[in-house]
PDB file of N, CA and C in Angstrom:
ATOM      1  N   UNK A   1     257.836  67.465 116.649  1.00  0.00           N
ATOM      2  CA  UNK A   1     257.399  66.613 115.567  1.00  0.00           C
ATOM      3  C   UNK A   1     258.369  66.769 114.397  1.00  0.00           C
ATOM      4  N   UNK A   2     258.856  65.640 113.911  1.00  0.00           N
ATOM      5  CA  UNK A   2     259.842  65.664 112.835  1.00  0.00           C
ATOM      6  C   UNK A   2     259.130  65.621 111.490  1.00  0.00           C
ATOM      7  N   UNK A   3     259.525  66.527 110.600  1.00  0.00           N
ATOM      8  CA  UNK A   3     258.926  66.564 109.262  1.00  0.00           C
ATOM      9  C   UNK A   3     259.684  65.625 108.344  1.00  0.00           C
ATOM     10  N   UNK A   4     258.930  64.921 107.512  1.00  0.00           N
ATOM     11  CA  UNK A   4     259.568  64.065 106.523  1.00  0.00           C
ATOM     12  C   UNK A   4     259.972  64.907 105.322  1.00  0.00           C
ATOM     13  N   UNK A   5     261.116  64.614 104.741  1.00  0.00           N
ATOM     14  CA  UNK A   5     261.521  65.365 103.545  1.00  0.00           C
ATOM     15  C   UNK A   5     260.581  65.047 102.393  1.00  0.00           C
ATOM     16  N   UNK A   6     260.541  65.967 101.458  1.00  0.00           N
ATOM     17  CA  UNK A   6     259.713  65.786 100.272  1.00  0.00           C
ATOM     18  C   UNK A   6     260.278  64.642  99.449  1.00  0.00           C
ATOM     19  N   UNK A   7     259.554  63.550  99.413  1.00  0.00           N
ATOM     20  CA  UNK A   7     260.038  62.339  98.751  1.00  0.00           C
ATOM     21  C   UNK A   7     260.114  62.502  97.240  1.00  0.00           C
ATOM     22  N   UNK A   8     259.255  63.311  96.676  1.00  0.00           N
ATOM     23  CA  UNK A   8     259.214  63.471  95.228  1.00  0.00           C
ATOM     24  C   UNK A   8     260.508  64.012  94.648  1.00  0.00           C
ATOM     25  N   UNK A   9     261.167  64.927  95.344  1.00  0.00           N
ATOM     26  CA  UNK A   9     262.394  65.507  94.801  1.00  0.00           C
ATOM     27  C   UNK A   9     263.501  64.473  94.714  1.00  0.00           C
ATOM     28  N   UNK A  10     263.580  63.594  95.703  1.00  0.00           N
ATOM     29  CA  UNK A  10     264.605  62.555  95.683  1.00  0.00           C
ATOM     30  C   UNK A  10     264.363  61.600  94.524  1.00  0.00           C
ATOM     31  N   UNK A  11     263.116  61.236  94.331  1.00  0.00           N
ATOM     32  CA  UNK A  11     262.781  60.321  93.249  1.00  0.00           C
ATOM     33  C   UNK A  11     263.090  60.925  91.887  1.00  0.00           C
ATOM     34  N   UNK A  12     262.787  62.187  91.682  1.00  0.00           N
ATOM     35  CA  UNK A  12     263.073  62.860  90.420  1.00  0.00           C
ATOM     36  C   UNK A  12     264.567  62.858  90.168  1.00  0.00           C
ATOM     37  N   UNK A  13     265.344  63.164  91.202  1.00  0.00           N
ATOM     38  CA  UNK A  13     266.798  63.169  91.066  1.00  0.00           C
ATOM     39  C   UNK A  13     267.304  61.786  90.706  1.00  0.00           C
ATOM     40  N   UNK A  14     266.789  60.784  91.376  1.00  0.00           N
ATOM     41  CA  UNK A  14     267.237  59.418  91.124  1.00  0.00           C
ATOM     42  C   UNK A  14     266.900  59.009  89.700  1.00  0.00           C
ATOM     43  N   UNK A  15     265.698  59.303  89.248  1.00  0.00           N
ATOM     44  CA  UNK A  15     265.307  58.947  87.890  1.00  0.00           C
ATOM     45  C   UNK A  15     266.151  59.676  86.856  1.00  0.00           C
ATOM     46  N   UNK A  16     266.412  60.933  87.085  1.00  0.00           N
ATOM     47  CA  UNK A  16     267.214  61.706  86.150  1.00  0.00           C
ATOM     48  C   UNK A  16     268.610  61.137  86.039  1.00  0.00           C
ATOM     49  N   UNK A  17     269.178  60.745  87.164  1.00  0.00           N
ATOM     50  CA  UNK A  17     270.547  60.230  87.163  1.00  0.00           C
ATOM     51  C   UNK A  17     270.619  58.867  86.485  1.00  0.00           C
ATOM     52  N   UNK A  18     269.609  58.018  86.665  1.00  0.00           N
ATOM     53  CA  UNK A  18     269.685  56.689  86.078  1.00  0.00           C
ATOM     54  C   UNK A  18     269.295  56.690  84.608  1.00  0.00           C
ATOM     55  N   UNK A  19     268.465  57.624  84.190  1.00  0.00           N
ATOM     56  CA  UNK A  19     268.038  57.665  82.797  1.00  0.00           C
ATOM     57  C   UNK A  19     269.048  58.377  81.901  1.00  0.00           C
ATOM     58  N   UNK A  20     269.935  59.134  82.480  1.00  0.00           N
ATOM     59  CA  UNK A  20     270.905  59.882  81.687  1.00  0.00           C
ATOM     60  C   UNK A  20     271.999  58.942  81.206  1.00  0.00           C
ATOM     61  N   UNK A  21     272.190  58.885  79.894  1.00  0.00           N
ATOM     62  CA  UNK A  21     273.262  58.089  79.324  1.00  0.00           C
ATOM     63  C   UNK A  21     274.295  59.027  78.730  1.00  0.00           C
ATOM     64  N   UNK A  22     275.566  58.769  79.007  1.00  0.00           N
ATOM     65  CA  UNK A  22     276.591  59.662  78.462  1.00  0.00           C
ATOM     66  C   UNK A  22     276.651  59.569  76.944  1.00  0.00           C
ATOM     67  N   UNK A  23     276.890  60.697  76.319  1.00  0.00           N
ATOM     68  CA  UNK A  23     277.014  60.780  74.870  1.00  0.00           C
ATOM     69  C   UNK A  23     278.499  60.765  74.533  1.00  0.00           C
ATOM     70  N   UNK A  24     279.007  59.682  73.938  1.00  0.00           N
ATOM     71  CA  UNK A  24     280.441  59.602  73.652  1.00  0.00           C
ATOM     72  C   UNK A  24     280.910  60.617  72.625  1.00  0.00           C
ATOM     73  N   UNK A  25     279.983  61.242  71.917  1.00  0.00           N
ATOM     74  CA  UNK A  25     280.348  62.244  70.923  1.00  0.00           C
ATOM     75  C   UNK A  25     280.324  63.667  71.450  1.00  0.00           C
ATOM     76  N   UNK A  26     279.916  63.838  72.695  1.00  0.00           N
ATOM     77  CA  UNK A  26     279.801  65.181  73.269  1.00  0.00           C
ATOM     78  C   UNK A  26     281.157  65.639  73.791  1.00  0.00           C
ATOM     79  N   UNK A  27     281.607  66.778  73.319  1.00  0.00           N
ATOM     80  CA  UNK A  27     282.900  67.318  73.742  1.00  0.00           C
ATOM     81  C   UNK A  27     282.838  67.885  75.140  1.00  0.00           C
ATOM     82  N   UNK A  28     283.576  67.277  76.058  1.00  0.00           N
ATOM     83  CA  UNK A  28     283.557  67.730  77.446  1.00  0.00           C
ATOM     84  C   UNK A  28     284.949  67.992  78.013  1.00  0.00           C
ATOM     85  N   UNK A  29     285.989  67.447  77.389  1.00  0.00           N
ATOM     86  CA  UNK A  29     287.340  67.562  77.931  1.00  0.00           C
ATOM     87  C   UNK A  29     288.106  68.715  77.296  1.00  0.00           C
ATOM     88  N   UNK A  30     288.714  69.532  78.122  1.00  0.00           N
ATOM     89  CA  UNK A  30     289.609  70.578  77.625  1.00  0.00           C
ATOM     90  C   UNK A  30     290.855  69.913  77.057  1.00  0.00           C
ATOM     91  N   UNK A  31     291.601  70.642  76.251  1.00  0.00           N
ATOM     92  CA  UNK A  31     292.759  70.058  75.577  1.00  0.00           C
ATOM     93  C   UNK A  31     293.782  69.502  76.564  1.00  0.00           C
ATOM     94  N   UNK A  32     294.013  70.195  77.668  1.00  0.00           N
ATOM     95  CA  UNK A  32     295.002  69.720  78.640  1.00  0.00           C
ATOM     96  C   UNK A  32     294.559  68.410  79.281  1.00  0.00           C
ATOM     97  N   UNK A  33     293.278  68.284  79.563  1.00  0.00           N
ATOM     98  CA  UNK A  33     292.756  67.051  80.161  1.00  0.00           C
ATOM     99  C   UNK A  33     292.794  65.923  79.142  1.00  0.00           C
ATOM    100  N   UNK A  34     292.362  66.199  77.927  1.00  0.00           N
ATOM    101  CA  UNK A  34     292.381  65.184  76.871  1.00  0.00           C
ATOM    102  C   UNK A  34     293.801  64.695  76.632  1.00  0.00           C
ATOM    103  N   UNK A  35     294.749  65.619  76.567  1.00  0.00           N
ATOM    104  CA  UNK A  35     296.144  65.247  76.339  1.00  0.00           C
ATOM    105  C   UNK A  35     296.652  64.346  77.464  1.00  0.00           C
ATOM    106  N   UNK A  36     296.308  64.682  78.682  1.00  0.00           N
ATOM    107  CA  UNK A  36     296.746  63.864  79.816  1.00  0.00           C
ATOM    108  C   UNK A  36     296.099  62.483  79.774  1.00  0.00           C
ATOM    109  N   UNK A  37     294.828  62.415  79.436  1.00  0.00           N
ATOM    110  CA  UNK A  37     294.118  61.136  79.399  1.00  0.00           C
ATOM    111  C   UNK A  37     294.679  60.183  78.350  1.00  0.00           C
ATOM    112  N   UNK A  38     295.183  60.715  77.249  1.00  0.00           N
ATOM    113  CA  UNK A  38     295.720  59.851  76.196  1.00  0.00           C
ATOM    114  C   UNK A  38     297.240  59.785  76.203  1.00  0.00           C
ATOM    115  N   UNK A  39     297.879  60.522  77.120  1.00  0.00           N
ATOM    116  CA  UNK A  39     299.335  60.460  77.237  1.00  0.00           C
ATOM    117  C   UNK A  39     300.077  61.177  76.126  1.00  0.00           C
ATOM    118  N   UNK A  40     299.531  62.293  75.672  1.00  0.00           N
ATOM    119  CA  UNK A  40     300.163  63.089  74.623  1.00  0.00           C
ATOM    120  C   UNK A  40     300.283  64.525  75.099  1.00  0.00           C
ATOM    121  N   UNK A  41     301.051  65.308  74.389  1.00  0.00           N
ATOM    122  CA  UNK A  41     301.143  66.720  74.679  1.00  0.00           C
ATOM    123  C   UNK A  41     300.040  67.496  73.971  1.00  0.00           C
ATOM    124  N   UNK A  42     299.700  68.635  74.512  1.00  0.00           N
ATOM    125  CA  UNK A  42     298.661  69.470  73.903  1.00  0.00           C
ATOM    126  C   UNK A  42     299.034  69.879  72.482  1.00  0.00           C
ATOM    127  N   UNK A  43     300.312  70.139  72.255  1.00  0.00           N
ATOM    128  CA  UNK A  43     300.768  70.527  70.909  1.00  0.00           C
ATOM    129  C   UNK A  43     300.539  69.397  69.913  1.00  0.00           C
ATOM    130  N   UNK A  44     300.682  68.164  70.370  1.00  0.00           N
ATOM    131  CA  UNK A  44     300.444  67.015  69.495  1.00  0.00           C
ATOM    132  C   UNK A  44     298.982  66.974  69.078  1.00  0.00           C
ATOM    133  N   UNK A  45     298.079  67.225  70.019  1.00  0.00           N
ATOM    134  CA  UNK A  45     296.659  67.248  69.688  1.00  0.00           C
ATOM    135  C   UNK A  45     296.352  68.356  68.685  1.00  0.00           C
ATOM    136  N   UNK A  46     296.989  69.504  68.862  1.00  0.00           N
ATOM    137  CA  UNK A  46     296.796  70.607  67.912  1.00  0.00           C
ATOM    138  C   UNK A  46     297.314  70.224  66.521  1.00  0.00           C
ATOM    139  N   UNK A  47     298.468  69.551  66.478  1.00  0.00           N
ATOM    140  CA  UNK A  47     299.040  69.108  65.212  1.00  0.00           C
ATOM    141  C   UNK A  47     298.103  68.136  64.515  1.00  0.00           C
ATOM    142  N   UNK A  48     297.562  67.180  65.260  1.00  0.00           N
ATOM    143  CA  UNK A  48     296.653  66.202  64.660  1.00  0.00           C
ATOM    144  C   UNK A  48     295.399  66.880  64.115  1.00  0.00           C
ATOM    145  N   UNK A  49     294.925  67.889  64.817  1.00  0.00           N
ATOM    146  CA  UNK A  49     293.771  68.637  64.310  1.00  0.00           C
ATOM    147  C   UNK A  49     294.152  69.393  63.045  1.00  0.00           C
ATOM    148  N   UNK A  50     295.323  70.019  63.055  1.00  0.00           N
ATOM    149  CA  UNK A  50     295.801  70.777  61.885  1.00  0.00           C
ATOM    150  C   UNK A  50     295.929  69.857  60.672  1.00  0.00           C
ATOM    151  N   UNK A  51     296.346  68.628  60.889  1.00  0.00           N
ATOM    152  CA  UNK A  51     296.511  67.665  59.794  1.00  0.00           C
ATOM    153  C   UNK A  51     295.193  67.006  59.395  1.00  0.00           C
ATOM    154  N   UNK A  52     294.104  67.346  60.084  1.00  0.00           N
ATOM    155  CA  UNK A  52     292.793  66.811  59.722  1.00  0.00           C
ATOM    156  C   UNK A  52     292.503  65.427  60.252  1.00  0.00           C
ATOM    157  N   UNK A  53     293.266  64.989  61.253  1.00  0.00           N
ATOM    158  CA  UNK A  53     293.067  63.650  61.790  1.00  0.00           C
ATOM    159  C   UNK A  53     291.904  63.576  62.763  1.00  0.00           C
ATOM    160  N   UNK A  54     291.517  64.707  63.332  1.00  0.00           N
ATOM    161  CA  UNK A  54     290.333  64.779  64.175  1.00  0.00           C
ATOM    162  C   UNK A  54     289.862  66.216  64.230  1.00  0.00           C
ATOM    163  N   UNK A  55     288.611  66.373  64.623  1.00  0.00           N
ATOM    164  CA  UNK A  55     288.025  67.712  64.682  1.00  0.00           C
ATOM    165  C   UNK A  55     287.209  67.819  65.972  1.00  0.00           C
ATOM    166  N   UNK A  56     287.847  68.264  67.037  1.00  0.00           N
ATOM    167  CA  UNK A  56     287.107  68.384  68.299  1.00  0.00           C
ATOM    168  C   UNK A  56     286.045  69.471  68.207  1.00  0.00           C
ATOM    169  N   UNK A  57     285.030  69.336  69.037  1.00  0.00           N
ATOM    170  CA  UNK A  57     283.988  70.359  69.115  1.00  0.00           C
ATOM    171  C   UNK A  57     284.608  71.630  69.688  1.00  0.00           C
ATOM    172  N   UNK A  58     283.923  72.720  69.512  1.00  0.00           N
ATOM    173  CA  UNK A  58     284.366  74.005  70.062  1.00  0.00           C
ATOM    174  C   UNK A  58     283.267  74.584  70.927  1.00  0.00           C
ATOM    175  N   UNK A  59     283.676  75.208  72.019  1.00  0.00           N
ATOM    176  CA  UNK A  59     282.718  75.923  72.864  1.00  0.00           C
ATOM    177  C   UNK A  59     282.322  77.214  72.155  1.00  0.00           C
ATOM    178  N   UNK A  60     281.356  77.924  72.725  1.00  0.00           N
ATOM    179  CA  UNK A  60     280.932  79.199  72.140  1.00  0.00           C
ATOM    180  C   UNK A  60     282.101  80.172  72.052  1.00  0.00           C
ATOM    181  N   UNK A  61     283.048  80.069  72.975  1.00  0.00           N
ATOM    182  CA  UNK A  61     284.215  80.940  72.976  1.00  0.00           C
ATOM    183  C   UNK A  61     285.364  80.425  72.120  1.00  0.00           C
ATOM    184  N   UNK A  62     285.184  79.265  71.469  1.00  0.00           N
ATOM    185  CA  UNK A  62     286.214  78.726  70.579  1.00  0.00           C
ATOM    186  C   UNK A  62     287.168  77.740  71.225  1.00  0.00           C
ATOM    187  N   UNK A  63     286.948  77.402  72.484  1.00  0.00           N
ATOM    188  CA  UNK A  63     287.822  76.447  73.170  1.00  0.00           C
ATOM    189  C   UNK A  63     287.546  75.039  72.669  1.00  0.00           C
ATOM    190  N   UNK A  64     288.608  74.286  72.411  1.00  0.00           N
ATOM    191  CA  UNK A  64     288.450  72.903  71.973  1.00  0.00           C
ATOM    192  C   UNK A  64     287.833  72.091  73.106  1.00  0.00           C
ATOM    193  N   UNK A  65     286.905  71.204  72.734  1.00  0.00           N
ATOM    194  CA  UNK A  65     286.278  70.286  73.678  1.00  0.00           C
ATOM    195  C   UNK A  65     286.318  68.893  73.072  1.00  0.00           C
ATOM    196  N   UNK A  66     287.074  68.011  73.707  1.00  0.00           N
ATOM    197  CA  UNK A  66     287.260  66.653  73.205  1.00  0.00           C
ATOM    198  C   UNK A  66     286.244  65.704  73.828  1.00  0.00           C
ATOM    199  N   UNK A  67     285.730  64.805  73.023  1.00  0.00           N
ATOM    200  CA  UNK A  67     284.745  63.823  73.473  1.00  0.00           C
ATOM    201  C   UNK A  67     285.438  62.489  73.742  1.00  0.00           C
ATOM    202  N   UNK A  68     284.680  61.558  74.288  1.00  0.00           N
ATOM    203  CA  UNK A  68     285.197  60.193  74.475  1.00  0.00           C
ATOM    204  C   UNK A  68     285.552  59.578  73.130  1.00  0.00           C
ATOM    205  N   UNK A  69     284.752  59.868  72.107  1.00  0.00           N
ATOM    206  CA  UNK A  69     285.061  59.382  70.753  1.00  0.00           C
ATOM    207  C   UNK A  69     286.389  59.962  70.266  1.00  0.00           C
ATOM    208  N   UNK A  70     286.622  61.245  70.535  1.00  0.00           N
ATOM    209  CA  UNK A  70     287.889  61.868  70.149  1.00  0.00           C
ATOM    210  C   UNK A  70     289.062  61.194  70.860  1.00  0.00           C
ATOM    211  N   UNK A  71     288.884  60.889  72.145  1.00  0.00           N
ATOM    212  CA  UNK A  71     289.956  60.237  72.899  1.00  0.00           C
ATOM    213  C   UNK A  71     290.271  58.867  72.317  1.00  0.00           C
ATOM    214  N   UNK A  72     289.232  58.138  71.939  1.00  0.00           N
ATOM    215  CA  UNK A  72     289.443  56.825  71.327  1.00  0.00           C
ATOM    216  C   UNK A  72     290.182  56.975  69.991  1.00  0.00           C
ATOM    217  N   UNK A  73     289.824  57.974  69.219  1.00  0.00           N
ATOM    218  CA  UNK A  73     290.498  58.228  67.936  1.00  0.00           C
ATOM    219  C   UNK A  73     291.960  58.590  68.178  1.00  0.00           C
ATOM    220  N   UNK A  74     292.239  59.392  69.191  1.00  0.00           N
ATOM    221  CA  UNK A  74     293.621  59.747  69.527  1.00  0.00           C
ATOM    222  C   UNK A  74     294.427  58.510  69.920  1.00  0.00           C
ATOM    223  N   UNK A  75     293.799  57.590  70.622  1.00  0.00           N
ATOM    224  CA  UNK A  75     294.497  56.343  70.988  1.00  0.00           C
ATOM    225  C   UNK A  75     294.789  55.504  69.744  1.00  0.00           C
ATOM    226  N   UNK A  76     293.849  55.489  68.793  1.00  0.00           N
ATOM    227  CA  UNK A  76     294.086  54.777  67.533  1.00  0.00           C
ATOM    228  C   UNK A  76     295.251  55.412  66.771  1.00  0.00           C
ATOM    229  N   UNK A  77     295.283  56.736  66.752  1.00  0.00           N
ATOM    230  CA  UNK A  77     296.382  57.454  66.091  1.00  0.00           C
ATOM    231  C   UNK A  77     297.704  57.098  66.751  1.00  0.00           C
ATOM    232  N   UNK A  78     297.726  57.127  68.076  1.00  0.00           N
ATOM    233  CA  UNK A  78     298.961  56.807  68.815  1.00  0.00           C
ATOM    234  C   UNK A  78     299.434  55.395  68.498  1.00  0.00           C
ATOM    235  N   UNK A  79     298.512  54.438  68.432  1.00  0.00           N
ATOM    236  CA  UNK A  79     298.875  53.057  68.109  1.00  0.00           C
ATOM    237  C   UNK A  79     299.505  52.967  66.727  1.00  0.00           C
ATOM    238  N   UNK A  80     298.912  53.665  65.762  1.00  0.00           N
ATOM    239  CA  UNK A  80     299.442  53.633  64.397  1.00  0.00           C
ATOM    240  C   UNK A  80     300.816  54.296  64.316  1.00  0.00           C
ATOM    241  N   UNK A  81     300.962  55.437  64.960  1.00  0.00           N
ATOM    242  CA  UNK A  81     302.252  56.137  64.955  1.00  0.00           C
ATOM    243  C   UNK A  81     303.317  55.275  65.616  1.00  0.00           C
ATOM    244  N   UNK A  82     302.943  54.598  66.696  1.00  0.00           N
ATOM    245  CA  UNK A  82     303.899  53.749  67.412  1.00  0.00           C
ATOM    246  C   UNK A  82     304.384  52.582  66.550  1.00  0.00           C
ATOM    247  N   UNK A  83     303.550  52.125  65.613  1.00  0.00           N
ATOM    248  CA  UNK A  83     303.971  51.039  64.724  1.00  0.00           C
ATOM    249  C   UNK A  83     304.769  51.533  63.528  1.00  0.00           C
ATOM    250  N   UNK A  84     304.950  52.873  63.429  1.00  0.00           N
ATOM    251  CA  UNK A  84     305.789  53.411  62.378  1.00  0.00           C
ATOM    252  C   UNK A  84     305.043  54.048  61.215  1.00  0.00           C
ATOM    253  N   UNK A  85     303.733  54.165  61.314  1.00  0.00           N
ATOM    254  CA  UNK A  85     302.951  54.772  60.241  1.00  0.00           C
ATOM    255  C   UNK A  85     303.081  56.297  60.350  1.00  0.00           C
ATOM    256  N   UNK A  86     303.389  56.960  59.230  1.00  0.00           N
ATOM    257  CA  UNK A  86     303.476  58.425  59.262  1.00  0.00           C
ATOM    258  C   UNK A  86     302.071  59.021  59.255  1.00  0.00           C
ATOM    259  N   UNK A  87     301.968  60.331  59.456  1.00  0.00           N
ATOM    260  CA  UNK A  87     300.656  60.959  59.606  1.00  0.00           C
ATOM    261  C   UNK A  87     299.801  60.869  58.349  1.00  0.00           C
ATOM    262  N   UNK A  88     300.422  60.899  57.177  1.00  0.00           N
ATOM    263  CA  UNK A  88     299.652  60.722  55.941  1.00  0.00           C
ATOM    264  C   UNK A  88     299.052  59.316  55.900  1.00  0.00           C
ATOM    265  N   UNK A  89     299.827  58.334  56.312  1.00  0.00           N
ATOM    266  CA  UNK A  89     299.327  56.961  56.378  1.00  0.00           C
ATOM    267  C   UNK A  89     298.253  56.805  57.436  1.00  0.00           C
ATOM    268  N   UNK A  90     298.432  57.475  58.562  1.00  0.00           N
ATOM    269  CA  UNK A  90     297.424  57.438  59.624  1.00  0.00           C
ATOM    270  C   UNK A  90     296.097  57.965  59.091  1.00  0.00           C
ATOM    271  N   UNK A  91     296.147  59.061  58.360  1.00  0.00           N
ATOM    272  CA  UNK A  91     294.921  59.639  57.795  1.00  0.00           C
ATOM    273  C   UNK A  91     294.232  58.634  56.880  1.00  0.00           C
ATOM    274  N   UNK A  92     295.008  57.947  56.062  1.00  0.00           N
ATOM    275  CA  UNK A  92     294.428  56.958  55.149  1.00  0.00           C
ATOM    276  C   UNK A  92     293.806  55.797  55.916  1.00  0.00           C
ATOM    277  N   UNK A  93     294.511  55.300  56.913  1.00  0.00           N
ATOM    278  CA  UNK A  93     293.997  54.177  57.710  1.00  0.00           C
ATOM    279  C   UNK A  93     292.719  54.576  58.430  1.00  0.00           C
ATOM    280  N   UNK A  94     292.713  55.757  59.048  1.00  0.00           N
ATOM    281  CA  UNK A  94     291.514  56.218  59.755  1.00  0.00           C
ATOM    282  C   UNK A  94     290.330  56.378  58.812  1.00  0.00           C
ATOM    283  N   UNK A  95     290.586  56.931  57.628  1.00  0.00           N
ATOM    284  CA  UNK A  95     289.515  57.080  56.635  1.00  0.00           C
ATOM    285  C   UNK A  95     288.948  55.714  56.246  1.00  0.00           C
ATOM    286  N   UNK A  96     289.827  54.736  56.036  1.00  0.00           N
ATOM    287  CA  UNK A  96     289.370  53.394  55.683  1.00  0.00           C
ATOM    288  C   UNK A  96     288.596  52.752  56.829  1.00  0.00           C
ATOM    289  N   UNK A  97     289.078  52.923  58.059  1.00  0.00           N
ATOM    290  CA  UNK A  97     288.368  52.376  59.209  1.00  0.00           C
ATOM    291  C   UNK A  97     286.985  53.014  59.359  1.00  0.00           C
ATOM    292  N   UNK A  98     286.913  54.324  59.166  1.00  0.00           N
ATOM    293  CA  UNK A  98     285.631  55.021  59.275  1.00  0.00           C
ATOM    294  C   UNK A  98     284.663  54.561  58.184  1.00  0.00           C
ATOM    295  N   UNK A  99     285.170  54.410  56.964  1.00  0.00           N
ATOM    296  CA  UNK A  99     284.329  53.942  55.856  1.00  0.00           C
ATOM    297  C   UNK A  99     283.839  52.520  56.126  1.00  0.00           C
ATOM    298  N   UNK A 100     284.712  51.696  56.659  1.00  0.00           N
ATOM    299  CA  UNK A 100     284.355  50.322  56.999  1.00  0.00           C
ATOM    300  C   UNK A 100     283.262  50.302  58.071  1.00  0.00           C
ATOM    301  N   UNK A 101     283.386  51.147  59.076  1.00  0.00           N
ATOM    302  CA  UNK A 101     282.377  51.217  60.141  1.00  0.00           C
ATOM    303  C   UNK A 101     281.025  51.662  59.582  1.00  0.00           C
ATOM    304  N   UNK A 102     281.052  52.638  58.651  1.00  0.00           N
ATOM    305  CA  UNK A 102     279.797  53.088  58.037  1.00  0.00           C
ATOM    306  C   UNK A 102     279.147  51.967  57.222  1.00  0.00           C
ATOM    307  N   UNK A 103     279.962  51.236  56.472  1.00  0.00           N
ATOM    308  CA  UNK A 103     279.430  50.127  55.675  1.00  0.00           C
ATOM    309  C   UNK A 103     278.831  49.051  56.575  1.00  0.00           C
ATOM    310  N   UNK A 104     279.504  48.748  57.666  1.00  0.00           N
ATOM    311  CA  UNK A 104     278.972  47.749  58.606  1.00  0.00           C
ATOM    312  C   UNK A 104     277.653  48.219  59.206  1.00  0.00           C
ATOM    313  N   UNK A 105     277.571  49.493  59.545  1.00  0.00           N
ATOM    314  CA  UNK A 105     276.329  50.039  60.100  1.00  0.00           C
ATOM    315  C   UNK A 105     275.210  49.947  59.065  1.00  0.00           C
ATOM    316  N   UNK A 106     275.525  50.246  57.802  1.00  0.00           N
ATOM    317  CA  UNK A 106     274.531  50.140  56.742  1.00  0.00           C
ATOM    318  C   UNK A 106     274.063  48.697  56.563  1.00  0.00           C
ATOM    319  N   UNK A 107     274.997  47.757  56.639  1.00  0.00           N
ATOM    320  CA  UNK A 107     274.633  46.345  56.523  1.00  0.00           C
ATOM    321  C   UNK A 107     273.753  45.904  57.680  1.00  0.00           C
ATOM    322  N   UNK A 108     274.039  46.391  58.880  1.00  0.00           N
ATOM    323  CA  UNK A 108     273.221  46.047  60.038  1.00  0.00           C
ATOM    324  C   UNK A 108     271.803  46.569  59.874  1.00  0.00           C
ATOM    325  N   UNK A 109     271.667  47.773  59.309  1.00  0.00           N
ATOM    326  CA  UNK A 109     270.336  48.358  59.099  1.00  0.00           C
ATOM    327  C   UNK A 109     269.573  47.549  58.069  1.00  0.00           C
ATOM    328  N   UNK A 110     270.224  47.203  56.956  1.00  0.00           N
ATOM    329  CA  UNK A 110     269.522  46.459  55.907  1.00  0.00           C
ATOM    330  C   UNK A 110     269.217  45.034  56.364  1.00  0.00           C
ATOM    331  N   UNK A 111     270.040  44.454  57.212  1.00  0.00           N
ATOM    332  CA  UNK A 111     269.794  43.108  57.714  1.00  0.00           C
ATOM    333  C   UNK A 111     268.575  43.087  58.629  1.00  0.00           C
ATOM    334  N   UNK A 112     268.311  44.190  59.292  1.00  0.00           N
ATOM    335  CA  UNK A 112     267.167  44.288  60.189  1.00  0.00           C
ATOM    336  C   UNK A 112     265.845  44.451  59.437  1.00  0.00           C
ATOM    337  N   UNK A 113     265.919  44.833  58.160  1.00  0.00           N
ATOM    338  CA  UNK A 113     264.699  45.055  57.378  1.00  0.00           C
ATOM    339  C   UNK A 113     264.124  43.782  56.904  1.00  0.00           C
TER     340      UNK A 113
END
């Protein structure tokens, strides 16, 4: 006689997998992986952090952990540098873009009221 597997465990697994949404702000990539994903060297990522252009999360042991949001920010930095903007200018542009995004989010909230 063949036993049927416990159906409940499969269903729980399926529900957990479909309900889980990735958090783009959660640091999951090590510096070497992040650097490879954005086409930069690890030293470049360290330099950008030193200059205050991004702040990756840190593990309990102090290891940098880059998020999807960090990778997108690194791509924005690369685009600006490629057009000839120096790092001081990049910082200014990123600050303005971030402020603009916050203002738009605030407008969306007030428009919903």
